[in-house]
Amino acid sequence: MIDRLKQTLTSEEKTELKTAIESIDGILRSKGKQLSTEERRELVKARKGSDRYIGLLFEIARDCGLNLKTHPIDEVQPDIDLQAQLSLVVPKLETLASLANDTYNLAKAEVWSAFLDYYAVLSAMAARDNEIKTRLKPIVTFMSHANSKNQQAQATDEEPVEG
């Protein structure tokens, strides 16, 4: 098992993260477009390593006076600029998303492992203590049906059950 994180975010850190994410979200939504799965599938995929040749190709086209009706250079140039700008941002965002996901999944796994250990001990204690047994009842019900599709469809991680 991986070492426990033993970390939490301060109120200031949560606020700072939320503000930064909202800022990035606002900028990207104002400049970008969310594609559907079908639209992503239909995109023309650039050859790996092509970024370094894009500027050169369009420079040659300009120098030769070439301007295709299907892709006028003046209309393509903003996309060239945006691609270049985002090529610096996207890898960092992907790395941060991976870090956030890994940290979240590690914390969730640690919590679940501890949950199972506490559940085992409290279940044993419930055999001798009716108050514990009563308070554990929603958890026992959840645990006994956790693999059923109906239970999974009804369960959410957003609303904790209070005892």
N, C-alpha and C. Protein backbone atom coordinates (compact mmCIF):
# COMPACT_ATOMS: atom_id res chain seq x y z
N MET A 1 0.84 -1.19 0.00
CA MET A 1 0.00 0.00 0.00
C MET A 1 0.88 1.24 0.00
N ILE A 2 0.46 2.23 -0.73
CA ILE A 2 1.18 3.49 -0.81
C ILE A 2 1.00 4.23 0.52
N ASP A 3 2.03 4.98 0.92
CA ASP A 3 1.94 5.75 2.16
C ASP A 3 0.74 6.68 2.13
N ARG A 4 0.17 6.89 3.30
CA ARG A 4 -0.96 7.80 3.41
C ARG A 4 -0.53 9.22 3.07
N LEU A 5 -1.46 9.99 2.54
CA LEU A 5 -1.18 11.37 2.18
C LEU A 5 -1.02 12.25 3.41
N LYS A 6 -1.90 12.06 4.39
CA LYS A 6 -1.89 12.85 5.62
C LYS A 6 -1.87 14.34 5.30
N GLN A 7 -2.65 14.74 4.32
CA GLN A 7 -2.72 16.13 3.89
C GLN A 7 -4.18 16.56 3.80
N THR A 8 -4.39 17.85 3.90
CA THR A 8 -5.69 18.44 3.64
C THR A 8 -5.45 19.84 3.09
N LEU A 9 -6.43 20.38 2.42
CA LEU A 9 -6.31 21.73 1.88
C LEU A 9 -6.81 22.73 2.91
N THR A 10 -6.09 23.83 3.05
CA THR A 10 -6.57 24.90 3.92
C THR A 10 -7.71 25.62 3.20
N SER A 11 -8.47 26.41 3.93
CA SER A 11 -9.55 27.20 3.32
C SER A 11 -9.00 28.12 2.24
N GLU A 12 -7.83 28.70 2.53
CA GLU A 12 -7.20 29.60 1.56
C GLU A 12 -6.80 28.84 0.29
N GLU A 13 -6.27 27.64 0.45
CA GLU A 13 -5.86 26.83 -0.71
C GLU A 13 -7.08 26.42 -1.54
N LYS A 14 -8.17 26.04 -0.86
CA LYS A 14 -9.39 25.68 -1.60
C LYS A 14 -9.91 26.88 -2.39
N THR A 15 -9.91 28.05 -1.76
CA THR A 15 -10.36 29.26 -2.44
C THR A 15 -9.45 29.60 -3.61
N GLU A 16 -8.14 29.49 -3.39
CA GLU A 16 -7.17 29.78 -4.45
C GLU A 16 -7.34 28.83 -5.64
N LEU A 17 -7.50 27.54 -5.35
CA LEU A 17 -7.71 26.56 -6.43
C LEU A 17 -9.00 26.85 -7.19
N LYS A 18 -10.07 27.12 -6.45
CA LYS A 18 -11.37 27.39 -7.09
C LYS A 18 -11.27 28.62 -7.98
N THR A 19 -10.63 29.67 -7.49
CA THR A 19 -10.48 30.90 -8.27
C THR A 19 -9.65 30.65 -9.52
N ALA A 20 -8.54 29.93 -9.38
CA ALA A 20 -7.68 29.64 -10.53
C ALA A 20 -8.42 28.80 -11.57
N ILE A 21 -9.14 27.79 -11.12
CA ILE A 21 -9.89 26.92 -12.04
C ILE A 21 -10.98 27.72 -12.76
N GLU A 22 -11.70 28.57 -12.01
CA GLU A 22 -12.74 29.39 -12.63
C GLU A 22 -12.15 30.34 -13.66
N SER A 23 -10.97 30.88 -13.38
CA SER A 23 -10.30 31.78 -14.32
C SER A 23 -9.91 31.04 -15.59
N ILE A 24 -9.28 29.90 -15.44
CA ILE A 24 -8.88 29.08 -16.60
C ILE A 24 -10.11 28.66 -17.39
N ASP A 25 -11.16 28.22 -16.68
CA ASP A 25 -12.39 27.79 -17.31
C ASP A 25 -12.99 28.93 -18.14
N GLY A 26 -13.04 30.13 -17.56
CA GLY A 26 -13.60 31.28 -18.26
C GLY A 26 -12.83 31.63 -19.52
N ILE A 27 -11.51 31.62 -19.41
CA ILE A 27 -10.67 31.95 -20.58
C ILE A 27 -10.87 30.91 -21.67
N LEU A 28 -10.79 29.63 -21.30
CA LEU A 28 -10.90 28.58 -22.32
C LEU A 28 -12.29 28.54 -22.94
N ARG A 29 -13.33 28.75 -22.15
CA ARG A 29 -14.69 28.74 -22.72
C ARG A 29 -14.92 29.92 -23.66
N SER A 30 -14.27 31.06 -23.38
CA SER A 30 -14.46 32.23 -24.25
C SER A 30 -13.70 32.08 -25.56
N LYS A 31 -12.68 31.26 -25.60
CA LYS A 31 -11.85 31.10 -26.80
C LYS A 31 -12.05 29.75 -27.48
N GLY A 32 -12.60 28.79 -26.75
CA GLY A 32 -12.63 27.43 -27.26
C GLY A 32 -14.01 26.92 -27.58
N LYS A 33 -14.05 25.65 -27.88
CA LYS A 33 -15.30 24.95 -28.20
C LYS A 33 -15.22 23.56 -27.62
N GLN A 34 -16.26 23.16 -26.92
CA GLN A 34 -16.36 21.80 -26.39
C GLN A 34 -16.89 20.91 -27.51
N LEU A 35 -16.11 19.91 -27.89
CA LEU A 35 -16.49 19.02 -28.98
C LEU A 35 -17.28 17.83 -28.46
N SER A 36 -18.17 17.35 -29.28
CA SER A 36 -18.87 16.11 -28.98
C SER A 36 -17.93 14.95 -29.28
N THR A 37 -18.28 13.77 -28.83
CA THR A 37 -17.47 12.59 -29.12
C THR A 37 -17.35 12.39 -30.62
N GLU A 38 -18.45 12.59 -31.33
CA GLU A 38 -18.44 12.44 -32.79
C GLU A 38 -17.53 13.48 -33.45
N GLU A 39 -17.61 14.72 -32.98
CA GLU A 39 -16.75 15.77 -33.55
C GLU A 39 -15.27 15.46 -33.30
N ARG A 40 -14.95 14.95 -32.11
CA ARG A 40 -13.56 14.57 -31.82
C ARG A 40 -13.09 13.48 -32.77
N ARG A 41 -13.97 12.52 -33.01
CA ARG A 41 -13.63 11.40 -33.88
C ARG A 41 -13.38 11.86 -35.31
N GLU A 42 -14.09 12.90 -35.74
CA GLU A 42 -14.00 13.38 -37.12
C GLU A 42 -12.84 14.35 -37.36
N LEU A 43 -12.16 14.79 -36.30
CA LEU A 43 -11.06 15.73 -36.48
C LEU A 43 -9.96 15.13 -37.34
N VAL A 44 -9.39 15.96 -38.21
CA VAL A 44 -8.21 15.55 -38.97
C VAL A 44 -7.05 15.55 -37.98
N LYS A 45 -6.38 14.43 -37.87
CA LYS A 45 -5.28 14.29 -36.90
C LYS A 45 -3.97 14.72 -37.55
N ALA A 46 -3.29 15.67 -36.89
CA ALA A 46 -1.99 16.14 -37.39
C ALA A 46 -0.94 15.07 -37.18
N ARG A 47 -0.01 15.03 -38.09
CA ARG A 47 1.11 14.10 -37.95
C ARG A 47 1.97 14.52 -36.75
N LYS A 48 2.42 13.55 -36.01
CA LYS A 48 3.27 13.83 -34.85
C LYS A 48 4.52 14.59 -35.30
N GLY A 49 4.85 15.66 -34.58
CA GLY A 49 6.02 16.46 -34.90
C GLY A 49 5.76 17.56 -35.92
N SER A 50 4.50 17.69 -36.36
CA SER A 50 4.19 18.66 -37.42
C SER A 50 4.21 20.10 -36.94
N ASP A 51 4.08 20.33 -35.66
CA ASP A 51 4.01 21.70 -35.13
C ASP A 51 5.19 22.56 -35.59
N ARG A 52 6.35 21.98 -35.62
CA ARG A 52 7.54 22.75 -35.96
C ARG A 52 7.58 23.19 -37.42
N TYR A 53 6.73 22.60 -38.27
CA TYR A 53 6.74 22.92 -39.70
C TYR A 53 5.59 23.83 -40.13
N ILE A 54 4.62 24.02 -39.25
CA ILE A 54 3.42 24.79 -39.61
C ILE A 54 3.77 26.22 -40.00
N GLY A 55 4.53 26.91 -39.15
CA GLY A 55 4.91 28.29 -39.45
C GLY A 55 5.66 28.41 -40.76
N LEU A 56 6.60 27.50 -40.98
CA LEU A 56 7.40 27.53 -42.20
C LEU A 56 6.53 27.35 -43.44
N LEU A 57 5.60 26.40 -43.40
CA LEU A 57 4.75 26.13 -44.55
C LEU A 57 3.91 27.36 -44.91
N PHE A 58 3.30 27.98 -43.90
CA PHE A 58 2.46 29.14 -44.19
C PHE A 58 3.28 30.36 -44.58
N GLU A 59 4.51 30.45 -44.10
CA GLU A 59 5.42 31.52 -44.54
C GLU A 59 5.74 31.36 -46.03
N ILE A 60 6.02 30.13 -46.44
CA ILE A 60 6.30 29.85 -47.86
C ILE A 60 5.07 30.17 -48.70
N ALA A 61 3.88 29.78 -48.20
CA ALA A 61 2.64 30.04 -48.94
C ALA A 61 2.44 31.54 -49.12
N ARG A 62 2.66 32.31 -48.07
CA ARG A 62 2.53 33.78 -48.16
C ARG A 62 3.54 34.35 -49.17
N ASP A 63 4.78 33.90 -49.05
CA ASP A 63 5.84 34.40 -49.95
C ASP A 63 5.54 34.09 -51.42
N CYS A 64 4.85 32.98 -51.66
CA CYS A 64 4.50 32.59 -53.03
C CYS A 64 3.17 33.20 -53.49
N GLY A 65 2.50 33.93 -52.60
CA GLY A 65 1.21 34.53 -52.96
C GLY A 65 0.09 33.51 -53.00
N LEU A 66 0.28 32.37 -52.36
CA LEU A 66 -0.73 31.32 -52.36
C LEU A 66 -1.72 31.56 -51.23
N ASN A 67 -3.01 31.55 -51.60
CA ASN A 67 -4.06 31.76 -50.61
C ASN A 67 -5.28 30.95 -51.05
N LEU A 68 -5.44 29.76 -50.49
CA LEU A 68 -6.51 28.86 -50.90
C LEU A 68 -7.88 29.38 -50.45
N LYS A 69 -8.87 29.24 -51.35
CA LYS A 69 -10.23 29.67 -51.00
C LYS A 69 -10.80 28.83 -49.85
N THR A 70 -10.43 27.57 -49.81
CA THR A 70 -10.95 26.69 -48.76
C THR A 70 -10.34 26.97 -47.39
N HIS A 71 -9.13 27.55 -47.39
CA HIS A 71 -8.43 27.86 -46.14
C HIS A 71 -7.63 29.14 -46.29
N PRO A 72 -8.32 30.30 -46.37
CA PRO A 72 -7.57 31.56 -46.51
C PRO A 72 -6.62 31.75 -45.32
N ILE A 73 -5.39 32.16 -45.62
CA ILE A 73 -4.36 32.28 -44.58
C ILE A 73 -4.81 33.20 -43.45
N ASP A 74 -5.50 34.31 -43.81
CA ASP A 74 -5.96 35.23 -42.77
C ASP A 74 -6.96 34.57 -41.81
N GLU A 75 -7.71 33.58 -42.30
CA GLU A 75 -8.65 32.87 -41.43
C GLU A 75 -7.97 31.74 -40.67
N VAL A 76 -6.90 31.20 -41.21
CA VAL A 76 -6.17 30.11 -40.56
C VAL A 76 -5.21 30.66 -39.49
N GLN A 77 -4.71 31.88 -39.69
CA GLN A 77 -3.70 32.43 -38.78
C GLN A 77 -4.14 32.46 -37.31
N PRO A 78 -5.38 32.86 -36.99
CA PRO A 78 -5.78 32.81 -35.58
C PRO A 78 -5.70 31.39 -34.99
N ASP A 79 -6.03 30.39 -35.80
CA ASP A 79 -5.93 29.00 -35.32
C ASP A 79 -4.47 28.61 -35.13
N ILE A 80 -3.60 29.07 -36.02
CA ILE A 80 -2.16 28.79 -35.88
C ILE A 80 -1.66 29.40 -34.57
N ASP A 81 -2.05 30.65 -34.33
CA ASP A 81 -1.62 31.33 -33.10
C ASP A 81 -2.18 30.64 -31.86
N LEU A 82 -3.46 30.30 -31.89
CA LEU A 82 -4.09 29.65 -30.72
C LEU A 82 -3.47 28.29 -30.46
N GLN A 83 -3.22 27.53 -31.52
CA GLN A 83 -2.58 26.22 -31.35
C GLN A 83 -1.21 26.38 -30.69
N ALA A 84 -0.44 27.36 -31.16
CA ALA A 84 0.89 27.58 -30.59
C ALA A 84 0.79 28.00 -29.12
N GLN A 85 -0.15 28.87 -28.82
CA GLN A 85 -0.33 29.33 -27.44
C GLN A 85 -0.76 28.19 -26.52
N LEU A 86 -1.72 27.40 -26.98
CA LEU A 86 -2.23 26.30 -26.15
C LEU A 86 -1.27 25.13 -26.08
N SER A 87 -0.35 25.03 -27.04
CA SER A 87 0.62 23.94 -26.99
C SER A 87 1.52 24.06 -25.75
N LEU A 88 1.60 25.26 -25.21
CA LEU A 88 2.37 25.47 -23.98
C LEU A 88 1.53 25.20 -22.74
N VAL A 89 0.22 25.34 -22.86
CA VAL A 89 -0.69 25.23 -21.72
C VAL A 89 -1.23 23.81 -21.53
N VAL A 90 -1.63 23.17 -22.62
CA VAL A 90 -2.30 21.87 -22.55
C VAL A 90 -1.47 20.81 -21.82
N PRO A 91 -0.18 20.64 -22.13
CA PRO A 91 0.58 19.62 -21.40
C PRO A 91 0.61 19.87 -19.89
N LYS A 92 0.69 21.14 -19.49
CA LYS A 92 0.69 21.46 -18.06
C LYS A 92 -0.66 21.14 -17.43
N LEU A 93 -1.74 21.47 -18.13
CA LEU A 93 -3.09 21.16 -17.61
C LEU A 93 -3.30 19.64 -17.52
N GLU A 94 -2.79 18.90 -18.52
CA GLU A 94 -2.91 17.44 -18.48
C GLU A 94 -2.14 16.87 -17.30
N THR A 95 -0.94 17.41 -17.05
CA THR A 95 -0.13 16.96 -15.92
C THR A 95 -0.83 17.27 -14.60
N LEU A 96 -1.40 18.47 -14.50
CA LEU A 96 -2.11 18.86 -13.28
C LEU A 96 -3.37 18.02 -13.08
N ALA A 97 -4.09 17.74 -14.16
CA ALA A 97 -5.29 16.89 -14.06
C ALA A 97 -4.90 15.49 -13.60
N SER A 98 -3.80 14.97 -14.12
CA SER A 98 -3.32 13.66 -13.70
C SER A 98 -2.94 13.66 -12.22
N LEU A 99 -2.23 14.71 -11.79
CA LEU A 99 -1.86 14.84 -10.38
C LEU A 99 -3.09 14.93 -9.49
N ALA A 100 -4.06 15.74 -9.89
CA ALA A 100 -5.29 15.87 -9.11
C ALA A 100 -6.03 14.54 -9.04
N ASN A 101 -6.13 13.84 -10.18
CA ASN A 101 -6.80 12.54 -10.21
C ASN A 101 -6.08 11.51 -9.35
N ASP A 102 -4.76 11.45 -9.47
CA ASP A 102 -3.99 10.50 -8.67
C ASP A 102 -4.14 10.79 -7.18
N THR A 103 -4.08 12.06 -6.81
CA THR A 103 -4.20 12.44 -5.41
C THR A 103 -5.60 12.12 -4.89
N TYR A 104 -6.62 12.44 -5.68
CA TYR A 104 -8.00 12.12 -5.31
C TYR A 104 -8.19 10.62 -5.14
N ASN A 105 -7.72 9.85 -6.13
CA ASN A 105 -7.90 8.39 -6.08
C ASN A 105 -7.13 7.77 -4.92
N LEU A 106 -5.94 8.28 -4.61
CA LEU A 106 -5.18 7.79 -3.48
C LEU A 106 -5.91 8.09 -2.17
N ALA A 107 -6.38 9.33 -2.03
CA ALA A 107 -7.12 9.70 -0.82
C ALA A 107 -8.37 8.84 -0.69
N LYS A 108 -9.09 8.65 -1.78
CA LYS A 108 -10.32 7.84 -1.75
C LYS A 108 -10.00 6.39 -1.37
N ALA A 109 -8.91 5.84 -1.90
CA ALA A 109 -8.52 4.46 -1.58
C ALA A 109 -8.14 4.34 -0.11
N GLU A 110 -7.42 5.34 0.39
CA GLU A 110 -7.02 5.31 1.80
C GLU A 110 -8.25 5.38 2.70
N VAL A 111 -9.19 6.25 2.34
CA VAL A 111 -10.42 6.38 3.13
C VAL A 111 -11.21 5.07 3.08
N TRP A 112 -11.30 4.46 1.90
CA TRP A 112 -12.08 3.23 1.78
C TRP A 112 -11.43 2.09 2.57
N SER A 113 -10.13 2.02 2.54
CA SER A 113 -9.42 1.01 3.32
C SER A 113 -9.70 1.18 4.81
N ALA A 114 -9.61 2.42 5.27
CA ALA A 114 -9.91 2.69 6.68
C ALA A 114 -11.38 2.41 6.99
N PHE A 115 -12.26 2.78 6.06
CA PHE A 115 -13.69 2.52 6.22
C PHE A 115 -13.94 1.03 6.45
N LEU A 116 -13.33 0.19 5.60
CA LEU A 116 -13.52 -1.25 5.72
C LEU A 116 -13.02 -1.78 7.06
N ASP A 117 -11.87 -1.28 7.52
CA ASP A 117 -11.34 -1.71 8.81
C ASP A 117 -12.27 -1.29 9.95
N TYR A 118 -12.72 -0.05 9.93
CA TYR A 118 -13.63 0.43 10.98
C TYR A 118 -14.97 -0.31 10.90
N TYR A 119 -15.43 -0.55 9.69
CA TYR A 119 -16.70 -1.27 9.52
C TYR A 119 -16.61 -2.67 10.13
N ALA A 120 -15.50 -3.34 9.90
CA ALA A 120 -15.33 -4.69 10.45
C ALA A 120 -15.36 -4.66 11.98
N VAL A 121 -14.66 -3.71 12.58
CA VAL A 121 -14.61 -3.63 14.04
C VAL A 121 -15.97 -3.21 14.61
N LEU A 122 -16.58 -2.19 14.01
CA LEU A 122 -17.88 -1.73 14.50
C LEU A 122 -18.96 -2.79 14.30
N SER A 123 -18.88 -3.57 13.23
CA SER A 123 -19.84 -4.66 13.03
C SER A 123 -19.72 -5.69 14.13
N ALA A 124 -18.50 -6.00 14.52
CA ALA A 124 -18.29 -6.94 15.63
C ALA A 124 -18.82 -6.35 16.92
N MET A 125 -18.59 -5.07 17.15
CA MET A 125 -19.08 -4.40 18.36
C MET A 125 -20.60 -4.34 18.38
N ALA A 126 -21.23 -4.21 17.18
CA ALA A 126 -22.68 -4.10 17.09
C ALA A 126 -23.38 -5.36 17.60
N ALA A 127 -22.69 -6.47 17.56
CA ALA A 127 -23.29 -7.72 18.07
C ALA A 127 -23.57 -7.62 19.57
N ARG A 128 -22.84 -6.73 20.26
CA ARG A 128 -23.01 -6.58 21.71
C ARG A 128 -23.62 -5.24 22.10
N ASP A 129 -23.82 -4.33 21.15
CA ASP A 129 -24.28 -2.98 21.47
C ASP A 129 -25.37 -2.58 20.49
N ASN A 130 -26.61 -2.51 20.98
CA ASN A 130 -27.76 -2.20 20.11
C ASN A 130 -27.70 -0.78 19.54
N GLU A 131 -27.13 0.16 20.27
CA GLU A 131 -27.04 1.53 19.75
C GLU A 131 -26.15 1.55 18.51
N ILE A 132 -25.00 0.89 18.60
CA ILE A 132 -24.10 0.82 17.44
C ILE A 132 -24.80 0.09 16.30
N LYS A 133 -25.49 -0.99 16.63
CA LYS A 133 -26.20 -1.77 15.62
C LYS A 133 -27.22 -0.91 14.89
N THR A 134 -27.97 -0.10 15.63
CA THR A 134 -28.97 0.78 15.03
C THR A 134 -28.32 1.84 14.15
N ARG A 135 -27.25 2.44 14.63
CA ARG A 135 -26.58 3.49 13.88
C ARG A 135 -25.88 2.94 12.63
N LEU A 136 -25.43 1.69 12.69
CA LEU A 136 -24.75 1.07 11.54
C LEU A 136 -25.72 0.56 10.47
N LYS A 137 -27.01 0.49 10.80
CA LYS A 137 -27.98 -0.13 9.90
C LYS A 137 -27.92 0.40 8.46
N PRO A 138 -27.87 1.72 8.20
CA PRO A 138 -27.80 2.15 6.79
C PRO A 138 -26.51 1.71 6.10
N ILE A 139 -25.44 1.62 6.87
CA ILE A 139 -24.16 1.19 6.29
C ILE A 139 -24.20 -0.30 6.01
N VAL A 140 -24.77 -1.07 6.93
CA VAL A 140 -24.90 -2.52 6.73
C VAL A 140 -25.75 -2.80 5.49
N THR A 141 -26.85 -2.05 5.35
CA THR A 141 -27.71 -2.20 4.17
C THR A 141 -26.93 -1.88 2.90
N PHE A 142 -26.18 -0.78 2.93
CA PHE A 142 -25.37 -0.40 1.77
C PHE A 142 -24.35 -1.48 1.46
N MET A 143 -23.66 -1.95 2.46
CA MET A 143 -22.61 -2.94 2.24
C MET A 143 -23.18 -4.28 1.75
N SER A 144 -24.37 -4.62 2.18
CA SER A 144 -24.94 -5.90 1.75
C SER A 144 -25.48 -5.85 0.33
N HIS A 145 -25.70 -4.66 -0.20
CA HIS A 145 -26.22 -4.50 -1.56
C HIS A 145 -25.27 -3.73 -2.47
N ALA A 146 -24.07 -3.53 -2.06
CA ALA A 146 -23.13 -2.67 -2.80
C ALA A 146 -22.88 -3.15 -4.22
N ASN A 147 -23.04 -4.42 -4.48
CA ASN A 147 -22.76 -4.93 -5.82
C ASN A 147 -23.98 -4.96 -6.72
N SER A 148 -25.15 -4.68 -6.18
CA SER A 148 -26.34 -4.71 -7.04
C SER A 148 -26.38 -3.44 -7.89
N LYS A 149 -26.84 -3.58 -9.12
CA LYS A 149 -26.89 -2.44 -10.04
C LYS A 149 -27.86 -1.38 -9.53
N ASN A 150 -28.96 -1.80 -8.91
CA ASN A 150 -29.93 -0.86 -8.38
C ASN A 150 -29.31 0.00 -7.28
N GLN A 151 -28.55 -0.63 -6.39
CA GLN A 151 -27.89 0.10 -5.30
C GLN A 151 -26.86 1.08 -5.86
N GLN A 152 -26.09 0.65 -6.84
CA GLN A 152 -25.08 1.52 -7.43
C GLN A 152 -25.72 2.71 -8.13
N ALA A 153 -26.86 2.48 -8.78
CA ALA A 153 -27.55 3.57 -9.47
C ALA A 153 -28.08 4.60 -8.48
N GLN A 154 -28.48 4.15 -7.29
CA GLN A 154 -29.03 5.05 -6.29
C GLN A 154 -27.95 5.73 -5.47
N ALA A 155 -26.80 5.12 -5.35
CA ALA A 155 -25.73 5.64 -4.49
C ALA A 155 -25.05 6.82 -5.14
N THR A 156 -24.72 7.81 -4.31
CA THR A 156 -23.90 8.93 -4.77
C THR A 156 -22.85 9.19 -3.72
N ASP A 157 -21.75 9.78 -4.15
CA ASP A 157 -20.69 10.14 -3.21
C ASP A 157 -20.86 11.57 -2.71
N GLU A 158 -21.95 12.22 -3.07
CA GLU A 158 -22.10 13.64 -2.77
C GLU A 158 -22.83 13.90 -1.45
N GLU A 159 -23.72 13.03 -1.06
CA GLU A 159 -24.53 13.29 0.12
C GLU A 159 -24.27 12.24 1.18
N PRO A 160 -23.50 12.59 2.24
CA PRO A 160 -23.25 11.61 3.29
C PRO A 160 -24.51 11.33 4.11
N VAL A 161 -24.64 10.10 4.54
CA VAL A 161 -25.75 9.72 5.41
C VAL A 161 -25.29 9.99 6.83
N GLU A 162 -26.12 10.71 7.55
CA GLU A 162 -25.76 11.05 8.93
C GLU A 162 -26.53 10.14 9.89
N GLY A 163 -25.88 9.85 11.02
CA GLY A 163 -26.47 8.95 12.00
C GLY A 163 -27.11 9.63 13.07
